[in-house]
C-alpha atoms as a PDB file:
ATOM      1  CA  MET A   1       4.798   9.631  12.348  1.00  0.00           C
ATOM      2  CA  ARG A   2       6.165   9.125   8.820  1.00  0.00           C
ATOM      3  CA  ARG A   3       4.880  11.678   6.368  1.00  0.00           C
ATOM      4  CA  THR A   4       3.669  10.691   2.906  1.00  0.00           C
ATOM      5  CA  ARG A   5       6.443  11.043   0.332  1.00  0.00           C
ATOM      6  CA  ILE A   6       5.427  12.890  -2.850  1.00  0.00           C
ATOM      7  CA  LEU A   7       7.324  13.309  -6.125  1.00  0.00           C
ATOM      8  CA  LEU A   8       6.348  16.157  -8.483  1.00  0.00           C
ATOM      9  CA  ALA A   9       6.621  15.785 -12.269  1.00  0.00           C
ATOM     10  CA  ASP A  10       6.061  18.937 -14.322  1.00  0.00           C
ATOM     11  CA  ASP A  11       8.263  20.708 -16.861  1.00  0.00           C
ATOM     12  CA  HIS A  12       7.360  24.164 -15.498  1.00  0.00           C
ATOM     13  CA  THR A  13       9.731  25.029 -12.654  1.00  0.00           C
ATOM     14  CA  MET A  14       7.553  27.763 -11.150  1.00  0.00           C
ATOM     15  CA  ILE A  15       4.525  25.462 -11.055  1.00  0.00           C
ATOM     16  CA  CYS A  16       6.528  22.788  -9.245  1.00  0.00           C
ATOM     17  CA  ALA A  17       7.712  25.389  -6.753  1.00  0.00           C
ATOM     18  CA  GLY A  18       4.118  26.422  -6.071  1.00  0.00           C
ATOM     19  CA  PHE A  19       2.982  22.845  -5.567  1.00  0.00           C
ATOM     20  CA  ARG A  20       5.892  22.170  -3.238  1.00  0.00           C
ATOM     21  CA  LYS A  21       5.044  25.198  -1.098  1.00  0.00           C
ATOM     22  CA  LEU A  22       1.414  24.101  -0.871  1.00  0.00           C
ATOM     23  CA  LEU A  23       2.151  20.475  -0.009  1.00  0.00           C
ATOM     24  CA  GLU A  24       5.165  20.646   2.299  1.00  0.00           C
ATOM     25  CA  PRO A  25       3.396  21.701   5.501  1.00  0.00           C
ATOM     26  CA  GLU A  26       1.571  18.351   5.450  1.00  0.00           C
ATOM     27  CA  PHE A  27       3.585  16.034   3.194  1.00  0.00           C
ATOM     28  CA  GLU A  28       7.234  15.380   2.347  1.00  0.00           C
ATOM     29  CA  VAL A  29       8.087  16.455  -1.205  1.00  0.00           C
ATOM     30  CA  VAL A  30      11.051  14.236  -2.048  1.00  0.00           C
ATOM     31  CA  GLY A  31      11.879  15.774  -5.415  1.00  0.00           C
ATOM     32  CA  THR A  32      10.784  17.417  -8.654  1.00  0.00           C
ATOM     33  CA  VAL A  33      11.434  16.321 -12.241  1.00  0.00           C
ATOM     34  CA  GLY A  34      10.727  17.903 -15.615  1.00  0.00           C
ATOM     35  CA  ASP A  35      10.106  15.013 -18.004  1.00  0.00           C
ATOM     36  CA  GLY A  36       8.649  11.524 -18.056  1.00  0.00           C
ATOM     37  CA  ARG A  37      11.963   9.711 -18.294  1.00  0.00           C
ATOM     38  CA  ALA A  38      13.310  11.592 -15.302  1.00  0.00           C
ATOM     39  CA  LEU A  39      10.129  10.646 -13.434  1.00  0.00           C
ATOM     40  CA  LEU A  40      10.809   6.933 -13.914  1.00  0.00           C
ATOM     41  CA  SER A  41      14.416   7.277 -12.775  1.00  0.00           C
ATOM     42  CA  ALA A  42      13.590   9.448  -9.764  1.00  0.00           C
ATOM     43  CA  ALA A  43      10.701   7.243  -8.644  1.00  0.00           C
ATOM     44  CA  ALA A  44      12.965   4.176  -8.644  1.00  0.00           C
ATOM     45  CA  GLU A  45      15.574   6.041  -6.596  1.00  0.00           C
ATOM     46  CA  LEU A  46      13.343   8.009  -4.201  1.00  0.00           C
ATOM     47  CA  THR A  47      10.474   5.492  -3.764  1.00  0.00           C
ATOM     48  CA  PRO A  48       7.683   8.020  -3.239  1.00  0.00           C
ATOM     49  CA  ASP A  49       4.232   6.985  -2.040  1.00  0.00           C
ATOM     50  CA  LEU A  50       2.515   9.258  -4.540  1.00  0.00           C
ATOM     51  CA  VAL A  51       3.403  11.190  -7.681  1.00  0.00           C
ATOM     52  CA  LEU A  52       1.752  14.300  -9.055  1.00  0.00           C
ATOM     53  CA  VAL A  53       2.283  14.288 -12.808  1.00  0.00           C
ATOM     54  CA  ASP A  54       1.393  16.514 -15.750  1.00  0.00           C
ATOM     55  CA  VAL A  55       0.047  14.988 -18.971  1.00  0.00           C
ATOM     56  CA  GLY A  56       2.169  17.032 -21.372  1.00  0.00           C
ATOM     57  CA  MET A  57       5.875  16.584 -20.613  1.00  0.00           C
ATOM     58  CA  PRO A  58       8.928  16.301 -22.879  1.00  0.00           C
ATOM     59  CA  LEU A  59      10.727  13.081 -23.880  1.00  0.00           C
ATOM     60  CA  LEU A  60       7.985  10.879 -22.410  1.00  0.00           C
ATOM     61  CA  ASN A  61       4.488  12.230 -21.779  1.00  0.00           C
ATOM     62  CA  GLY A  62       2.758  11.806 -18.440  1.00  0.00           C
ATOM     63  CA  LEU A  63       0.354   9.103 -19.592  1.00  0.00           C
ATOM     64  CA  ASP A  64       3.062   6.816 -20.937  1.00  0.00           C
ATOM     65  CA  ALA A  65       5.353   7.537 -17.988  1.00  0.00           C
ATOM     66  CA  ALA A  66       2.581   6.694 -15.525  1.00  0.00           C
ATOM     67  CA  ARG A  67       1.705   3.528 -17.424  1.00  0.00           C
ATOM     68  CA  GLU A  68       5.308   2.347 -17.136  1.00  0.00           C
ATOM     69  CA  LEU A  69       5.574   3.504 -13.524  1.00  0.00           C
ATOM     70  CA  LYS A  70       2.532   1.463 -12.467  1.00  0.00           C
ATOM     71  CA  LYS A  71       4.114  -1.632 -14.029  1.00  0.00           C
ATOM     72  CA  LEU A  72       7.336  -1.081 -12.110  1.00  0.00           C
ATOM     73  CA  MET A  73       5.756   0.103  -8.837  1.00  0.00           C
ATOM     74  CA  PRO A  74       2.135  -1.136  -8.729  1.00  0.00           C
ATOM     75  CA  LYS A  75       1.414   0.269  -5.257  1.00  0.00           C
ATOM     76  CA  ILE A  76       2.411   3.840  -6.068  1.00  0.00           C
ATOM     77  CA  LYS A  77      -0.430   6.374  -6.223  1.00  0.00           C
ATOM     78  CA  VAL A  78      -0.650   8.623  -9.295  1.00  0.00           C
ATOM     79  CA  ILE A  79      -2.546  11.895  -9.523  1.00  0.00           C
ATOM     80  CA  PHE A  80      -2.617  13.831 -12.781  1.00  0.00           C
ATOM     81  CA  LEU A  81      -2.503  17.601 -12.385  1.00  0.00           C
ATOM     82  CA  THR A  82      -2.834  19.163 -15.809  1.00  0.00           C
ATOM     83  CA  MET A  83      -4.325  21.892 -17.980  1.00  0.00           C
ATOM     84  CA  ASN A  84      -5.954  19.238 -20.204  1.00  0.00           C
ATOM     85  CA  PRO A  85      -9.744  19.114 -19.583  1.00  0.00           C
ATOM     86  CA  ASP A  86     -10.394  16.378 -22.168  1.00  0.00           C
ATOM     87  CA  ALA A  87     -12.609  13.677 -20.658  1.00  0.00           C
ATOM     88  CA  ASP A  88     -11.046  11.055 -22.950  1.00  0.00           C
ATOM     89  CA  VAL A  89      -7.593  11.876 -21.590  1.00  0.00           C
ATOM     90  CA  ALA A  90      -8.883  11.686 -18.027  1.00  0.00           C
ATOM     91  CA  ALA A  91     -10.531   8.340 -18.778  1.00  0.00           C
ATOM     92  CA  GLU A  92      -7.243   7.025 -20.166  1.00  0.00           C
ATOM     93  CA  ALA A  93      -5.435   8.234 -17.047  1.00  0.00           C
ATOM     94  CA  PHE A  94      -7.703   6.125 -14.846  1.00  0.00           C
ATOM     95  CA  ARG A  95      -7.508   3.208 -17.261  1.00  0.00           C
ATOM     96  CA  ILE A  96      -3.731   2.999 -16.793  1.00  0.00           C
ATOM     97  CA  GLY A  97      -4.024   3.093 -13.012  1.00  0.00           C
ATOM     98  CA  ALA A  98      -4.253   6.725 -11.897  1.00  0.00           C
ATOM     99  CA  SER A  99      -6.087   7.511  -8.676  1.00  0.00           C
ATOM    100  CA  GLY A 100      -6.808  11.179  -9.331  1.00  0.00           C
ATOM    101  CA  TYR A 101      -7.232  13.769 -12.071  1.00  0.00           C
ATOM    102  CA  LEU A 102      -7.605  17.495 -11.568  1.00  0.00           C
ATOM    103  CA  LEU A 103      -6.841  20.694 -13.414  1.00  0.00           C
ATOM    104  CA  LYS A 104      -4.166  23.262 -12.694  1.00  0.00           C
ATOM    105  CA  ASN A 105      -6.746  26.027 -12.458  1.00  0.00           C
ATOM    106  CA  SER A 106      -8.387  24.253  -9.508  1.00  0.00           C
ATOM    107  CA  GLN A 107      -8.332  25.892  -6.098  1.00  0.00           C
ATOM    108  CA  SER A 108      -5.404  24.986  -3.873  1.00  0.00           C
ATOM    109  CA  ASP A 109      -7.634  23.246  -1.334  1.00  0.00           C
ATOM    110  CA  GLU A 110      -8.882  20.937  -4.108  1.00  0.00           C
ATOM    111  CA  LEU A 111      -5.346  19.616  -4.625  1.00  0.00           C
ATOM    112  CA  LEU A 112      -4.998  18.901  -0.915  1.00  0.00           C
ATOM    113  CA  LYS A 113      -8.393  17.167  -0.873  1.00  0.00           C
ATOM    114  CA  ALA A 114      -7.413  15.052  -3.893  1.00  0.00           C
ATOM    115  CA  VAL A 115      -4.168  13.934  -2.234  1.00  0.00           C
ATOM    116  CA  ARG A 116      -5.903  13.120   1.053  1.00  0.00           C
ATOM    117  CA  ASP A 117      -8.708  11.203  -0.680  1.00  0.00           C
ATOM    118  CA  VAL A 118      -6.272   9.177  -2.783  1.00  0.00           C
ATOM    119  CA  LEU A 119      -4.159   8.305   0.243  1.00  0.00           C
ATOM    120  CA  ARG A 120      -7.340   6.991   1.913  1.00  0.00           C
ATOM    121  CA  GLY A 121      -7.860   4.633  -1.014  1.00  0.00           C
ATOM    122  CA  MET A 122     -10.430   6.726  -2.871  1.00  0.00           C
ATOM    123  CA  ARG A 123     -10.365   8.092  -6.422  1.00  0.00           C
ATOM    124  CA  TYR A 124     -10.620  11.797  -7.114  1.00  0.00           C
ATOM    125  CA  ILE A 125     -11.985  13.406 -10.285  1.00  0.00           C
ATOM    126  CA  THR A 126     -12.255  17.170 -10.433  1.00  0.00           C
ATOM    127  CA  PRO A 127     -15.875  18.344 -10.655  1.00  0.00           C
ATOM    128  CA  GLN A 128     -14.859  20.426 -13.681  1.00  0.00           C
ATOM    129  CA  ILE A 129     -14.771  17.310 -15.875  1.00  0.00           C
ATOM    130  CA  SER A 130     -16.594  14.601 -13.921  1.00  0.00           C
ATOM    131  CA  GLN A 131     -19.885  15.204 -15.767  1.00  0.00           C
ATOM    132  CA  ALA A 132     -18.136  15.073 -19.138  1.00  0.00           C
ATOM    133  CA  MET A 133     -16.521  11.792 -18.120  1.00  0.00           C
ATOM    134  CA  ASP A 134     -19.879  10.339 -17.114  1.00  0.00           C
ATOM    135  CA  GLU A 135     -21.396  11.355 -20.455  1.00  0.00           C
ATOM    136  CA  ARG A 136     -18.437   9.918 -22.317  1.00  0.00           C
ATOM    137  CA  PHE A 137     -18.781   6.512 -20.658  1.00  0.00           C
ATOM    138  CA  ILE A 138     -22.530   6.502 -21.315  1.00  0.00           C
ATOM    139  CA  ARG A 139     -21.779   7.016 -25.026  1.00  0.00           C
ATOM    140  CA  ASP A 140     -19.100   4.317 -25.229  1.00  0.00           C
ATOM    141  CA  PRO A 141     -17.839   2.691 -22.018  1.00  0.00           C
ATOM    142  CA  ASN A 142     -15.341   0.482 -23.856  1.00  0.00           C
ATOM    143  CA  ALA A 143     -13.687   3.119 -26.023  1.00  0.00           C
ATOM    144  CA  ALA A 144      -9.991   3.676 -25.465  1.00  0.00           C
ATOM    145  CA  SER A 145      -8.433   7.054 -26.114  1.00  0.00           C
ATOM    146  CA  GLN A 146      -4.899   5.765 -26.554  1.00  0.00           C
ATOM    147  CA  PRO A 147      -3.604   4.885 -30.026  1.00  0.00           C
ATOM    148  CA  LYS A 148      -4.413   1.224 -30.607  1.00  0.00           C
ATOM    149  CA  HIS A 149      -1.725   0.271 -33.089  1.00  0.00           C
ATOM    150  CA  LEU A 150       1.497   1.735 -31.690  1.00  0.00           C
ATOM    151  CA  THR A 151       3.948  -0.043 -29.420  1.00  0.00           C
ATOM    152  CA  PRO A 152       5.305   1.852 -26.387  1.00  0.00           C
ATOM    153  CA  ARG A 153       8.570   2.407 -28.308  1.00  0.00           C
ATOM    154  CA  HIS A 154       6.646   3.790 -31.270  1.00  0.00           C
ATOM    155  CA  ARG A 155       4.740   6.159 -28.993  1.00  0.00           C
ATOM    156  CA  GLU A 156       8.043   7.430 -27.566  1.00  0.00           C
ATOM    157  CA  ILE A 157       9.409   8.055 -31.041  1.00  0.00           C
ATOM    158  CA  VAL A 158       6.221   9.748 -32.245  1.00  0.00           C
ATOM    159  CA  GLN A 159       6.374  12.100 -29.276  1.00  0.00           C
ATOM    160  CA  MET A 160      10.011  13.037 -29.802  1.00  0.00           C
ATOM    161  CA  LEU A 161       9.589  13.496 -33.559  1.00  0.00           C
ATOM    162  CA  ALA A 162       6.570  15.707 -32.903  1.00  0.00           C
ATOM    163  CA  GLU A 163       8.658  17.708 -30.426  1.00  0.00           C
ATOM    164  CA  GLY A 164      11.040  18.444 -33.300  1.00  0.00           C
ATOM    165  CA  ARG A 165      13.915  16.213 -32.219  1.00  0.00           C
ATOM    166  CA  SER A 166      16.202  14.847 -34.917  1.00  0.00           C
ATOM    167  CA  PRO A 167      16.729  11.111 -35.515  1.00  0.00           C
ATOM    168  CA  LYS A 168      20.248  11.551 -34.126  1.00  0.00           C
ATOM    169  CA  GLU A 169      18.905  13.082 -30.891  1.00  0.00           C
ATOM    170  CA  ILE A 170      16.279  10.368 -30.529  1.00  0.00           C
ATOM    171  CA  ALA A 171      18.851   7.634 -31.136  1.00  0.00           C
ATOM    172  CA  SER A 172      21.047   9.083 -28.390  1.00  0.00           C
ATOM    173  CA  ILE A 173      18.163   9.332 -25.901  1.00  0.00           C
ATOM    174  CA  LEU A 174      16.892   5.807 -26.581  1.00  0.00           C
ATOM    175  CA  ASP A 175      20.350   4.271 -27.013  1.00  0.00           C
ATOM    176  CA  ILE A 176      19.564   2.894 -30.466  1.00  0.00           C
ATOM    177  CA  THR A 177      20.985   3.607 -33.931  1.00  0.00           C
ATOM    178  CA  VAL A 178      19.822   6.420 -36.204  1.00  0.00           C
ATOM    179  CA  ARG A 179      18.955   3.756 -38.768  1.00  0.00           C
ATOM    180  CA  THR A 180      16.634   2.095 -36.229  1.00  0.00           C
ATOM    181  CA  VAL A 181      14.920   5.408 -35.512  1.00  0.00           C
ATOM    182  CA  ARG A 182      14.313   5.963 -39.219  1.00  0.00           C
ATOM    183  CA  PHE A 183      12.976   2.429 -39.611  1.00  0.00           C
ATOM    184  CA  HIS A 184      10.581   2.964 -36.683  1.00  0.00           C
ATOM    185  CA  LYS A 185       9.432   6.245 -38.228  1.00  0.00           C
ATOM    186  CA  TYR A 186       8.732   4.455 -41.518  1.00  0.00           C
ATOM    187  CA  GLU A 187       6.728   1.752 -39.705  1.00  0.00           C
ATOM    188  CA  ILE A 188       4.801   4.359 -37.713  1.00  0.00           C
ATOM    189  CA  MET A 189       3.808   6.443 -40.726  1.00  0.00           C
ATOM    190  CA  LYS A 190       2.836   3.316 -42.660  1.00  0.00           C
ATOM    191  CA  GLU A 191       0.743   2.013 -39.752  1.00  0.00           C
ATOM    192  CA  LEU A 192      -1.032   5.335 -39.230  1.00  0.00           C
ATOM    193  CA  GLY A 193      -1.475   6.054 -42.934  1.00  0.00           C
ATOM    194  CA  ILE A 194       0.208   9.452 -42.751  1.00  0.00           C
ATOM    195  CA  ALA A 195       2.778  10.945 -45.119  1.00  0.00           C
ATOM    196  CA  SER A 196       4.192  14.102 -43.537  1.00  0.00           C
ATOM    197  CA  ASN A 197       5.735  15.405 -40.342  1.00  0.00           C
ATOM    198  CA  ALA A 198       2.844  17.865 -40.011  1.00  0.00           C
ATOM    199  CA  GLU A 199       0.364  14.959 -39.892  1.00  0.00           C
ATOM    200  CA  LEU A 200       2.574  13.237 -37.340  1.00  0.00           C
ATOM    201  CA  VAL A 201       2.451  16.333 -35.123  1.00  0.00           C
ATOM    202  CA  GLN A 202      -1.336  16.513 -35.434  1.00  0.00           C
ATOM    203  CA  TYR A 203      -1.587  12.847 -34.470  1.00  0.00           C
ATOM    204  CA  ALA A 204       0.605  13.430 -31.414  1.00  0.00           C
ATOM    205  CA  ILE A 205      -1.525  16.391 -30.337  1.00  0.00           C
ATOM    206  CA  LYS A 206      -4.796  14.484 -30.852  1.00  0.00           C
ATOM    207  CA  HIS A 207      -3.588  11.616 -28.658  1.00  0.00           C
ATOM    208  CA  SER A 208      -2.046  13.866 -25.956  1.00  0.00           C
ATOM    209  CA  LEU A 209       1.510  12.755 -26.697  1.00  0.00           C
ATOM    210  CA  ILE A 210       2.431  16.442 -26.770  1.00  0.00           C
ATOM    211  CA  PRO A 211       0.465  19.472 -25.483  1.00  0.00           C
ATOM    212  CA  GLN A 212      -1.790  21.417 -27.810  1.00  0.00           C
ATOM    213  CA  PRO A 213      -0.066  24.586 -29.099  1.00  0.00           C
END
């Protein structure tokens, strides 16, 4: 019988190794990647059935990577496995098409249960934040945690600027000119009403584009 193919996306090598060891007796781990852009490339090449993805990853965060992945491969299952207990972030994960959300400090058997439930067509939310999510939706069921005014390209640039990458580095990664990067940065700061790199970093942290320090 064909085993479920799983791709791991986390920028911590030791964590990926631990997840692989836990999953491999039952599932086929087809690869591991360390950033959101690598996730998109590897998923297209390896065609996994399910991906386990962290929220905070370099170059392209887990939320934006998963959003793009679901557009390209609508049938793929996505489970977020993260240290981020924010109910708004979890709600956004499900809004973009995730099937599961649990925390890295969960017990190992919870991860296996989440994978099994998702593969049976169910959704899994860790009990550690399910109550907070319920309360959040009671307060405002239509609220969206993602930035409302930024294009996907702008979100990519905000993340990389907040990570401390230079316009030249960003231009190389995105295959655009340095002048275009600087123009996007100007548009972003004007749209958000911010005037400094420090404010840009705080914005990125608030919207889970980069992990909290």
